[in-house]
């Protein structure tokens, strides 16, 4: 059985191995695959593993032997699932592998914004403490999270994990989903307008869909407290980046912590790259070694289940 990995480098830059998947077939791993080579490299593959390499309708039309496309991630919008289904190709994904890691990155961004740890550490490294007349000094305000309100947009596994961490820090919780969840007794449901207006921290944990593109726009941002922060570890397409940059530069809100942007890697002229008090990390929330090991293990199980005629984690 021929297995082709179109873009394995992000998942395994060298600190993991492919043994669990190699035991299931003849595996060819490409670090990256440009669009011009996708069809050629996937030709003859029984199974395609892709992370962010698009498997388009045109590519699917040219596939001859492929019976399974397994996405090395939870999001599967890079595969034309309709075209795959029409051709009898099963598409599956890897759900739930990064819940703890993404929640952790959410607070890494938030704590950097409110504790300014990196700025203080750089100041000390620059010799400022050595030269200081006092035993301590202040170069930026530090904020306590206890009794502040976190508003979570999206309340799936990652949103709930984030809520648990927030609760442990003494924060109050609000959440918004398209459909109110009646089983939540530790967080208060809010309309999206109420959540943005009343939260001290707004954290995004929803998937990108055709209906929520750039829903974080100027109209919502103007509702936020001037002291409030926005965190996005979900999808960059959720935010109107020009509107957010303007809100930051005009001090309409206190800051933003972003692990995702609308285009990745970003264009050099993305306004958020130079926006005031905006911390950006390069889509690393998912990428702890522990999470990547889970992707490997679950993908191997996806392939095993498919070979046994009982596919799991099927999407589309």
Protein backbone atom coordinates (compact mmCIF):
# COMPACT_ATOMS: atom_id res chain seq x y z
CA UNK A 1 0.00 0.00 0.00
CA UNK A 2 1.52 3.31 -1.13
CA UNK A 3 1.25 6.16 1.36
CA UNK A 4 2.30 9.70 0.37
CA UNK A 5 2.82 12.49 2.92
CA UNK A 6 2.59 15.79 1.04
CA UNK A 7 3.98 18.12 3.72
CA UNK A 8 5.49 16.30 6.66
CA UNK A 9 7.97 18.89 7.91
CA UNK A 10 5.59 20.89 10.13
CA UNK A 11 4.50 17.74 11.93
CA UNK A 12 7.96 16.19 12.07
CA UNK A 13 10.85 18.64 11.66
CA UNK A 14 13.20 15.92 12.83
CA UNK A 15 12.34 15.19 16.45
CA UNK A 16 9.78 12.44 15.72
CA UNK A 17 9.73 9.43 13.41
CA UNK A 18 7.26 7.91 10.99
CA UNK A 19 7.62 4.32 12.21
CA UNK A 20 3.99 3.86 13.25
CA UNK A 21 2.81 4.86 9.77
CA UNK A 22 5.68 3.15 7.94
CA UNK A 23 4.52 -0.13 9.47
CA UNK A 24 1.28 0.23 7.51
CA UNK A 25 2.64 0.69 4.00
CA UNK A 26 5.32 1.99 1.68
CA UNK A 27 5.67 5.61 2.84
CA UNK A 28 7.10 8.55 0.90
CA UNK A 29 7.44 11.75 2.92
CA UNK A 30 7.84 15.15 1.28
CA UNK A 31 8.70 18.06 3.57
CA UNK A 32 6.65 20.40 1.40
CA UNK A 33 4.78 20.10 -1.90
CA UNK A 34 4.14 23.11 -4.16
CA UNK A 35 0.78 23.26 -5.88
CA UNK A 36 2.38 22.43 -9.23
CA UNK A 37 3.60 19.06 -7.94
CA UNK A 38 0.65 17.84 -5.84
CA UNK A 39 -0.98 15.73 -8.55
CA UNK A 40 2.34 14.27 -9.71
CA UNK A 41 3.46 13.28 -6.22
CA UNK A 42 0.08 11.85 -5.25
CA UNK A 43 -0.30 9.85 -8.45
CA UNK A 44 -0.60 6.16 -7.63
CA UNK A 45 -0.97 6.74 -3.88
CA UNK A 46 -3.47 4.53 -2.10
CA UNK A 47 -3.44 6.88 0.89
CA UNK A 48 -2.59 10.59 1.00
CA UNK A 49 -1.61 12.31 4.23
CA UNK A 50 -1.78 16.10 4.07
CA UNK A 51 -1.48 18.85 6.64
CA UNK A 52 -1.87 22.17 4.80
CA UNK A 53 -1.27 21.11 1.20
CA UNK A 54 -4.60 21.62 -0.63
CA UNK A 55 -6.11 18.54 -2.24
CA UNK A 56 -8.37 20.24 -4.74
CA UNK A 57 -11.15 19.04 -6.98
CA UNK A 58 -8.72 19.16 -9.90
CA UNK A 59 -6.16 17.03 -8.07
CA UNK A 60 -8.80 14.54 -6.95
CA UNK A 61 -10.00 14.16 -10.54
CA UNK A 62 -6.50 13.00 -11.52
CA UNK A 63 -6.13 10.45 -8.72
CA UNK A 64 -6.35 6.86 -9.80
CA UNK A 65 -5.79 4.55 -6.83
CA UNK A 66 -6.46 6.79 -3.85
CA UNK A 67 -9.03 5.50 -1.38
CA UNK A 68 -8.18 7.53 1.73
CA UNK A 69 -7.09 11.10 2.42
CA UNK A 70 -6.16 11.56 6.07
CA UNK A 71 -5.59 15.14 7.21
CA UNK A 72 -2.76 15.56 9.72
CA UNK A 73 -4.82 18.11 11.66
CA UNK A 74 -8.34 18.78 12.89
CA UNK A 75 -9.31 21.31 10.23
CA UNK A 76 -9.96 19.68 6.87
CA UNK A 77 -10.96 22.62 4.67
CA UNK A 78 -7.85 22.02 2.54
CA UNK A 79 -9.54 18.93 1.05
CA UNK A 80 -12.44 19.19 -1.38
CA UNK A 81 -14.56 16.67 0.52
CA UNK A 82 -17.42 16.87 -1.98
CA UNK A 83 -15.15 15.88 -4.86
CA UNK A 84 -13.57 13.18 -2.73
CA UNK A 85 -16.94 11.70 -1.83
CA UNK A 86 -18.05 11.70 -5.45
CA UNK A 87 -14.96 9.67 -6.29
CA UNK A 88 -15.44 7.27 -3.37
CA UNK A 89 -12.46 8.58 -1.40
CA UNK A 90 -12.81 8.59 2.39
CA UNK A 91 -11.54 11.73 4.15
CA UNK A 92 -10.68 11.69 7.84
CA UNK A 93 -8.97 14.01 10.28
CA UNK A 94 -7.32 14.06 13.73
CA UNK A 95 -9.73 15.54 16.29
CA UNK A 96 -8.88 16.62 19.81
CA UNK A 97 -5.11 16.20 19.68
CA UNK A 98 -4.15 19.76 20.64
CA UNK A 99 -6.75 20.78 23.23
CA UNK A 100 -4.35 21.21 26.13
CA UNK A 101 -1.62 22.73 23.96
CA UNK A 102 -3.86 25.41 22.43
CA UNK A 103 -5.35 26.36 25.80
CA UNK A 104 -1.80 26.66 27.13
CA UNK A 105 -0.79 28.98 24.27
CA UNK A 106 -3.89 31.09 24.88
CA UNK A 107 -2.60 31.89 28.34
CA UNK A 108 0.99 32.24 27.22
CA UNK A 109 -0.15 35.09 24.98
CA UNK A 110 -2.46 36.59 27.59
CA UNK A 111 0.09 36.45 30.41
CA UNK A 112 2.74 38.05 28.24
CA UNK A 113 0.35 40.90 27.50
CA UNK A 114 -0.64 41.54 31.10
CA UNK A 115 2.57 40.60 32.95
CA UNK A 116 5.02 41.95 30.35
CA UNK A 117 7.46 39.19 31.32
CA UNK A 118 9.48 39.40 28.11
CA UNK A 119 9.81 43.17 28.38
CA UNK A 120 10.97 42.98 31.98
CA UNK A 121 13.40 40.16 31.22
CA UNK A 122 14.87 42.17 28.35
CA UNK A 123 15.22 45.18 30.64
CA UNK A 124 17.13 43.13 33.21
CA UNK A 125 19.32 41.62 30.48
CA UNK A 126 20.04 45.17 29.33
CA UNK A 127 21.46 45.98 32.77
CA UNK A 128 18.60 48.15 34.04
CA UNK A 129 18.24 46.28 37.36
CA UNK A 130 21.96 46.40 38.01
CA UNK A 131 21.85 50.17 37.62
CA UNK A 132 18.63 50.61 39.59
CA UNK A 133 18.65 52.57 42.87
CA UNK A 134 15.85 50.41 44.29
CA UNK A 135 15.27 46.69 44.81
CA UNK A 136 12.50 46.76 42.20
CA UNK A 137 11.28 49.03 39.44
CA UNK A 138 8.39 49.39 37.01
CA UNK A 139 8.53 49.95 33.27
CA UNK A 140 5.01 48.76 32.45
CA UNK A 141 1.82 48.05 34.39
CA UNK A 142 1.10 44.50 35.50
CA UNK A 143 -2.51 43.30 35.75
CA UNK A 144 -4.12 40.63 37.91
CA UNK A 145 -6.55 38.24 36.21
CA UNK A 146 -8.54 37.26 39.29
CA UNK A 147 -12.11 38.60 39.12
CA UNK A 148 -11.65 39.71 35.51
CA UNK A 149 -14.07 38.32 32.91
CA UNK A 150 -13.00 36.07 30.07
CA UNK A 151 -15.39 35.79 27.15
CA UNK A 152 -14.99 32.68 25.01
CA UNK A 153 -16.28 32.64 21.46
CA UNK A 154 -16.72 28.94 20.75
CA UNK A 155 -17.20 26.44 23.55
CA UNK A 156 -15.98 23.12 22.24
CA UNK A 157 -13.14 21.10 23.73
CA UNK A 158 -10.53 23.86 23.49
CA UNK A 159 -12.91 26.58 24.67
CA UNK A 160 -13.87 24.53 27.72
CA UNK A 161 -10.26 23.65 28.51
CA UNK A 162 -9.42 27.36 28.34
CA UNK A 163 -12.37 28.10 30.60
CA UNK A 164 -11.09 25.64 33.21
CA UNK A 165 -7.70 27.35 33.28
CA UNK A 166 -9.37 30.75 33.52
CA UNK A 167 -11.54 29.55 36.40
CA UNK A 168 -8.45 28.26 38.22
CA UNK A 169 -7.03 31.77 37.97
CA UNK A 170 -10.18 33.18 39.54
CA UNK A 171 -11.68 34.61 36.37
CA UNK A 172 -15.39 34.97 35.65
CA UNK A 173 -16.59 33.28 32.47
CA UNK A 174 -18.88 34.14 29.61
CA UNK A 175 -19.31 32.18 26.39
CA UNK A 176 -20.99 32.49 23.04
CA UNK A 177 -21.86 29.80 20.53
CA UNK A 178 -24.38 29.79 17.67
CA UNK A 179 -26.54 27.54 19.84
CA UNK A 180 -26.73 28.12 23.58
CA UNK A 181 -25.44 25.13 25.55
CA UNK A 182 -27.82 24.41 28.42
CA UNK A 183 -25.43 22.11 30.29
CA UNK A 184 -22.98 24.86 31.23
CA UNK A 185 -23.19 25.79 34.90
CA UNK A 186 -19.78 27.48 35.30
CA UNK A 187 -20.07 30.06 32.53
CA UNK A 188 -22.76 32.54 31.53
CA UNK A 189 -24.13 32.55 28.00
CA UNK A 190 -23.96 35.93 26.26
CA UNK A 191 -24.87 37.32 22.89
CA UNK A 192 -21.79 38.17 20.86
CA UNK A 193 -22.35 41.89 21.50
CA UNK A 194 -22.71 41.36 25.25
CA UNK A 195 -19.59 39.21 25.35
CA UNK A 196 -17.40 41.78 23.58
CA UNK A 197 -18.80 44.64 25.66
CA UNK A 198 -18.52 43.01 29.08
CA UNK A 199 -15.35 40.89 28.85
CA UNK A 200 -11.89 41.94 29.96
CA UNK A 201 -10.43 39.25 27.70
CA UNK A 202 -12.07 37.90 24.55
CA UNK A 203 -10.63 34.57 23.39
CA UNK A 204 -11.56 32.99 20.06
CA UNK A 205 -12.02 29.20 19.87
CA UNK A 206 -14.34 28.66 16.92
CA UNK A 207 -13.69 27.21 13.47
CA UNK A 208 -13.60 29.41 10.38
CA UNK A 209 -16.77 29.02 8.31
CA UNK A 210 -18.18 30.82 5.27
CA UNK A 211 -20.52 32.74 7.59
CA UNK A 212 -18.09 34.02 10.22
CA UNK A 213 -15.27 35.42 8.10
CA UNK A 214 -14.02 38.70 9.65
CA UNK A 215 -16.84 38.68 12.20
CA UNK A 216 -14.49 40.43 14.62
CA UNK A 217 -14.91 43.77 12.89
CA UNK A 218 -14.88 47.45 13.75
CA UNK A 219 -18.47 47.31 15.02
CA UNK A 220 -17.62 44.62 17.59
CA UNK A 221 -14.24 46.05 18.53
CA UNK A 222 -15.74 49.43 19.38
CA UNK A 223 -17.89 47.71 22.01
CA UNK A 224 -14.85 46.47 23.93
CA UNK A 225 -13.47 48.11 27.04
CA UNK A 226 -10.34 50.22 26.44
CA UNK A 227 -8.65 47.98 29.00
CA UNK A 228 -9.65 44.73 27.25
CA UNK A 229 -7.56 42.25 25.28
CA UNK A 230 -8.35 39.90 22.42
CA UNK A 231 -6.66 36.52 21.97
CA UNK A 232 -6.89 34.39 18.83
CA UNK A 233 -5.54 30.85 18.75
CA UNK A 234 -8.26 29.64 16.36
CA UNK A 235 -8.20 30.94 12.78
CA UNK A 236 -6.92 34.23 11.40
CA UNK A 237 -9.87 34.55 9.02
CA UNK A 238 -12.13 35.33 11.99
CA UNK A 239 -10.68 38.83 12.38
CA UNK A 240 -10.82 41.90 10.19
CA UNK A 241 -7.12 42.59 10.52
CA UNK A 242 -7.25 46.19 9.36
CA UNK A 243 -9.99 46.97 11.89
CA UNK A 244 -8.05 45.30 14.70
CA UNK A 245 -4.85 47.15 13.82
CA UNK A 246 -6.73 50.45 13.86
CA UNK A 247 -8.30 49.63 17.24
CA UNK A 248 -4.87 48.84 18.68
CA UNK A 249 -3.12 51.86 17.20
CA UNK A 250 -5.92 54.16 18.37
CA UNK A 251 -5.83 52.56 21.84
CA UNK A 252 -9.46 51.53 21.56
CA UNK A 253 -8.40 48.25 23.20
CA UNK A 254 -5.39 47.42 25.34
CA UNK A 255 -3.75 44.70 23.28
CA UNK A 256 -3.97 41.54 21.21
CA UNK A 257 -2.26 38.15 21.32
CA UNK A 258 -2.45 36.24 18.05
CA UNK A 259 -1.16 32.82 17.06
CA UNK A 260 -2.88 32.89 13.66
CA UNK A 261 -3.27 35.34 10.79
CA UNK A 262 -5.51 35.36 7.73
CA UNK A 263 -2.62 34.45 5.43
CA UNK A 264 0.23 32.26 6.66
CA UNK A 265 3.02 33.11 6.32
CA UNK A 266 1.79 36.72 6.36
CA UNK A 267 2.47 39.36 3.76
CA UNK A 268 5.04 41.92 4.87
CA UNK A 269 2.37 44.66 4.76
CA UNK A 270 -0.04 42.93 7.15
CA UNK A 271 -1.05 45.83 9.45
CA UNK A 272 -0.96 43.68 12.58
CA UNK A 273 2.79 43.09 12.26
CA UNK A 274 3.40 46.68 13.33
CA UNK A 275 0.27 47.35 15.40
CA UNK A 276 0.58 48.70 18.94
CA UNK A 277 0.79 46.13 21.76
CA UNK A 278 0.17 43.21 19.42
CA UNK A 279 1.97 39.95 20.15
CA UNK A 280 2.11 37.47 17.29
CA UNK A 281 3.43 33.91 17.31
CA UNK A 282 3.76 31.80 14.11
CA UNK A 283 0.83 29.36 14.48
CA UNK A 284 2.64 27.31 17.12
CA UNK A 285 -0.19 26.56 19.56
CA UNK A 286 -0.80 23.12 18.08
CA UNK A 287 2.87 22.20 17.81
CA UNK A 288 3.99 20.85 21.17
CA UNK A 289 5.83 17.56 20.84
CA UNK A 290 3.11 15.85 22.86
CA UNK A 291 0.40 17.08 20.48
CA UNK A 292 2.37 16.09 17.39
CA UNK A 293 2.93 12.61 18.80
CA UNK A 294 -0.85 12.32 19.18
CA UNK A 295 -1.30 13.34 15.53
CA UNK A 296 1.06 10.54 14.50
CA UNK A 297 -0.69 7.98 16.70
CA UNK A 298 -4.24 8.93 15.69
CA UNK A 299 -3.29 9.02 12.01
CA UNK A 300 -1.89 5.50 12.28
CA UNK A 301 -5.19 4.42 13.87
CA UNK A 302 -7.11 6.14 11.06
CA UNK A 303 -5.17 4.11 8.50
CA UNK A 304 -5.51 0.86 10.44
CA UNK A 305 -9.26 1.33 10.83
CA UNK A 306 -9.65 2.12 7.15
CA UNK A 307 -7.70 -0.98 6.13
CA UNK A 308 -10.02 -3.03 8.34
CA UNK A 309 -13.05 -1.58 6.58
CA UNK A 310 -14.18 0.42 9.60
CA UNK A 311 -13.00 4.00 8.95
CA UNK A 312 -12.99 6.40 11.89
CA UNK A 313 -12.84 10.21 12.23
CA UNK A 314 -14.55 10.52 8.85
CA UNK A 315 -15.39 14.09 7.81
CA UNK A 316 -17.20 15.76 4.95
